Amino acid sequence: MENARLAQQIRFIVEVDRLKDVFRQTFVIGSRRRENDAEHSWHLCLMVLVLAEHANTPDVDALRVLKMLLIHDIVEIDAGDTFAYDTARMADQHEREALAADRLFGLLPADQTAEFRALWDEFEARSTPEAKFAAAMDRFQPMLLNCLTEGAAWRIHGVTRDRVLARNAHIVDGATEVWTYAARMIEQAVAAGHLAK
């Protein structure tokens, strides 16, 4: 007899494999190809393991942060990736993603649906120390890739220094030291001609 709960969980796991086919505007450092959402999620989680000591809250719950970062972009399977500097598409981003969260997390058994949706909502609200640190890593990672690919995505989309600073300023809410480092990298990118003033 089939274990219904296990079968439901496997269906979810199979569905979220589609995240590997959602491509972002950022480029990977080595090959300069576009990064997919699954790679982004993996990179963020590794960053948490390495950089957790720089979180503003010394006792940040790293496991909770990892859970948030593993699931927060799953909604892009349905909603698509919204480029950070695309103001038109950002207008309805939360609504599109909330509908996707309902469908995708709804594939799981009820207790896991509730847990994953609560984690997603917590990440979106950025009100807990864990959500602030998760959001800091989520902003720092593509900024880092842009700096290390000579501003590849920034140049394609005509992004300027002021927009990068505004978009990434809330890194300070989760990791002040990381923001100081990031701000320095942004200025270096401008000086090198990889980011327009």
Protein backbone atom coordinates (compact mmCIF):
# COMPACT_ATOMS: atom_id res chain seq x y z
CA MET A 1 0.00 0.00 0.00
CA GLU A 2 1.35 3.43 -0.97
CA ASN A 3 2.27 5.92 1.74
CA ALA A 4 0.06 8.88 0.73
CA ARG A 5 2.09 11.48 2.65
CA LEU A 6 5.35 10.32 1.10
CA ALA A 7 3.81 10.30 -2.39
CA GLN A 8 2.57 13.87 -1.86
CA GLN A 9 6.02 15.01 -0.70
CA ILE A 10 7.67 13.34 -3.69
CA ARG A 11 5.26 15.11 -6.06
CA PHE A 12 6.35 18.42 -4.51
CA ILE A 13 10.03 17.49 -4.84
CA VAL A 14 9.53 16.60 -8.51
CA GLU A 15 7.62 19.85 -9.16
CA VAL A 16 10.29 22.05 -7.60
CA ASP A 17 12.98 20.50 -9.80
CA ARG A 18 11.63 23.01 -12.34
CA LEU A 19 13.49 25.72 -10.39
CA LYS A 20 16.60 24.62 -12.28
CA ASP A 21 14.98 25.98 -15.46
CA VAL A 22 14.22 29.44 -14.07
CA PHE A 23 17.05 31.68 -15.19
CA ARG A 24 18.04 34.90 -13.51
CA GLN A 25 19.63 38.03 -15.00
CA THR A 26 22.86 37.53 -13.03
CA PHE A 27 25.77 35.68 -14.55
CA VAL A 28 27.95 33.03 -12.94
CA ILE A 29 31.51 34.16 -12.42
CA GLY A 30 33.44 31.57 -14.43
CA SER A 31 31.48 30.82 -17.57
CA ARG A 32 29.49 34.07 -17.71
CA ARG A 33 26.29 32.16 -18.41
CA ARG A 34 23.06 33.14 -16.68
CA GLU A 35 22.55 31.65 -13.23
CA ASN A 36 19.46 29.55 -12.53
CA ASP A 37 17.36 29.87 -9.38
CA ALA A 38 18.47 26.53 -7.94
CA GLU A 39 22.12 27.60 -8.19
CA HIS A 40 21.23 30.92 -6.58
CA SER A 41 19.51 29.12 -3.68
CA TRP A 42 22.48 26.79 -3.17
CA HIS A 43 24.93 29.69 -3.23
CA LEU A 44 22.87 31.63 -0.69
CA CYS A 45 22.76 28.68 1.68
CA LEU A 46 26.50 28.20 1.47
CA MET A 47 26.95 31.92 2.14
CA VAL A 48 24.86 31.58 5.30
CA LEU A 49 27.06 28.76 6.56
CA VAL A 50 30.20 30.80 5.90
CA LEU A 51 28.98 34.29 6.87
CA ALA A 52 26.56 33.62 9.77
CA GLU A 53 29.09 35.04 12.22
CA HIS A 54 28.57 38.44 10.53
CA ALA A 55 24.82 38.54 11.15
CA ASN A 56 23.77 41.50 13.25
CA THR A 57 22.17 39.09 15.72
CA PRO A 58 24.86 36.88 17.25
CA ASP A 59 22.50 33.99 17.97
CA VAL A 60 20.73 34.04 14.61
CA ASP A 61 19.01 30.71 13.92
CA ALA A 62 21.04 29.62 10.89
CA LEU A 63 18.83 26.59 10.24
CA ARG A 64 15.77 28.83 9.99
CA VAL A 65 17.67 31.15 7.62
CA LEU A 66 18.67 28.16 5.47
CA LYS A 67 15.06 26.97 5.30
CA MET A 68 13.90 30.42 4.17
CA LEU A 69 16.56 30.64 1.50
CA LEU A 70 15.88 27.16 0.17
CA ILE A 71 12.19 27.89 -0.35
CA HIS A 72 11.90 31.63 -1.01
CA ASP A 73 12.49 31.44 -4.78
CA ILE A 74 10.44 28.29 -5.39
CA VAL A 75 7.53 30.61 -6.20
CA GLU A 76 9.42 31.73 -9.32
CA ILE A 77 8.49 28.41 -10.94
CA ASP A 78 5.03 29.94 -11.50
CA ALA A 79 5.70 33.67 -11.09
CA GLY A 80 8.95 33.83 -13.07
CA ASP A 81 12.08 35.69 -12.03
CA THR A 82 11.60 39.41 -11.57
CA PHE A 83 14.77 41.33 -12.33
CA ALA A 84 15.69 43.48 -9.36
CA TYR A 85 15.69 46.69 -11.40
CA ASP A 86 12.56 46.05 -13.48
CA THR A 87 10.16 48.47 -11.79
CA ALA A 88 7.24 47.61 -14.07
CA ARG A 89 7.35 43.90 -13.26
CA MET A 90 8.00 44.57 -9.60
CA ALA A 91 4.64 46.33 -9.29
CA ASP A 92 2.71 43.06 -9.03
CA GLN A 93 5.56 40.78 -7.98
CA HIS A 94 4.26 40.05 -4.48
CA GLU A 95 0.78 39.16 -5.74
CA ARG A 96 2.14 36.83 -8.44
CA GLU A 97 4.48 35.17 -5.99
CA ALA A 98 1.82 34.80 -3.26
CA LEU A 99 -0.43 32.93 -5.71
CA ALA A 100 2.50 30.72 -6.65
CA ALA A 101 3.25 30.09 -2.96
CA ASP A 102 -0.34 28.97 -2.45
CA ARG A 103 -0.15 26.48 -5.32
CA LEU A 104 3.35 25.15 -4.85
CA PHE A 105 3.42 24.85 -1.07
CA GLY A 106 -0.13 23.54 -1.29
CA LEU A 107 1.25 20.42 -2.97
CA LEU A 108 2.68 19.36 0.39
CA PRO A 109 0.85 17.76 3.33
CA ALA A 110 -1.04 20.40 5.36
CA ASP A 111 1.53 20.74 8.17
CA GLN A 112 4.37 21.31 5.72
CA THR A 113 2.22 23.64 3.61
CA ALA A 114 1.69 25.79 6.71
CA GLU A 115 5.37 25.67 7.71
CA PHE A 116 6.72 26.54 4.26
CA ARG A 117 4.18 29.33 3.75
CA ALA A 118 5.00 30.79 7.17
CA LEU A 119 8.72 30.74 6.32
CA TRP A 120 8.04 32.39 2.96
CA ASP A 121 5.88 35.07 4.60
CA GLU A 122 8.53 35.66 7.27
CA PHE A 123 11.18 36.15 4.58
CA GLU A 124 8.94 38.57 2.70
CA ALA A 125 8.18 40.62 5.83
CA ARG A 126 11.85 40.92 6.87
CA SER A 127 10.81 41.56 10.46
CA THR A 128 12.77 38.84 12.32
CA PRO A 129 16.56 38.70 12.72
CA GLU A 130 16.56 35.51 10.62
CA ALA A 131 14.54 37.08 7.81
CA LYS A 132 16.74 40.18 7.83
CA PHE A 133 19.88 38.07 7.55
CA ALA A 134 18.32 35.89 4.85
CA ALA A 135 17.32 39.00 2.88
CA ALA A 136 20.82 40.45 3.33
CA MET A 137 22.35 37.33 1.78
CA ASP A 138 19.72 37.36 -1.00
CA ARG A 139 20.71 40.91 -1.95
CA PHE A 140 24.45 40.47 -1.47
CA GLN A 141 24.79 37.38 -3.67
CA PRO A 142 23.68 38.89 -7.02
CA MET A 143 25.51 42.12 -6.23
CA LEU A 144 28.67 40.07 -5.63
CA LEU A 145 28.21 38.22 -8.93
CA ASN A 146 27.68 41.50 -10.77
CA CYS A 147 30.86 42.95 -9.29
CA LEU A 148 32.84 39.84 -10.23
CA THR A 149 31.51 39.67 -13.80
CA GLU A 150 32.50 43.26 -14.57
CA GLY A 151 28.93 44.42 -14.08
CA ALA A 152 27.60 42.14 -16.83
CA ALA A 153 23.89 42.32 -15.92
CA TRP A 154 24.13 45.92 -14.74
CA ARG A 155 25.60 47.02 -18.07
CA ILE A 156 23.05 45.07 -20.13
CA HIS A 157 20.19 46.75 -18.28
CA GLY A 158 21.73 50.22 -17.85
CA VAL A 159 21.69 50.02 -14.05
CA THR A 160 23.35 52.89 -12.19
CA ARG A 161 25.17 53.23 -8.88
CA ASP A 162 22.29 54.98 -7.11
CA ARG A 163 19.90 52.17 -8.01
CA VAL A 164 22.34 49.49 -6.82
CA LEU A 165 22.85 51.32 -3.53
CA ALA A 166 19.10 51.78 -3.02
CA ARG A 167 18.30 48.17 -3.88
CA ASN A 168 20.94 46.71 -1.59
CA ALA A 169 20.93 49.16 1.34
CA HIS A 170 18.83 46.89 3.55
CA ILE A 171 21.77 44.45 3.71
CA VAL A 172 22.73 46.61 6.70
CA ASP A 173 19.59 45.45 8.55
CA GLY A 174 20.82 41.86 8.58
CA ALA A 175 24.61 42.14 8.34
CA THR A 176 26.23 45.55 8.84
CA GLU A 177 29.76 44.28 8.16
CA VAL A 178 28.64 42.66 4.90
CA TRP A 179 26.99 45.95 3.85
CA THR A 180 30.23 47.85 4.51
CA TYR A 181 32.07 45.34 2.33
CA ALA A 182 29.36 45.47 -0.36
CA ALA A 183 29.33 49.28 -0.47
CA ARG A 184 33.09 49.25 -1.00
CA MET A 185 32.68 46.74 -3.85
CA ILE A 186 30.05 48.95 -5.47
CA GLU A 187 32.40 51.94 -5.40
CA GLN A 188 35.18 49.80 -6.88
CA ALA A 189 32.80 48.72 -9.68
CA VAL A 190 32.06 52.38 -10.44
CA ALA A 191 35.76 53.26 -10.44
CA ALA A 192 36.49 50.35 -12.79
CA GLY A 193 33.73 51.44 -15.20
CA HIS A 194 31.63 48.32 -14.55
CA LEU A 195 28.76 50.29 -13.00
CA ALA A 196 27.53 53.61 -14.33
CA LYS A 197 27.28 56.66 -12.07
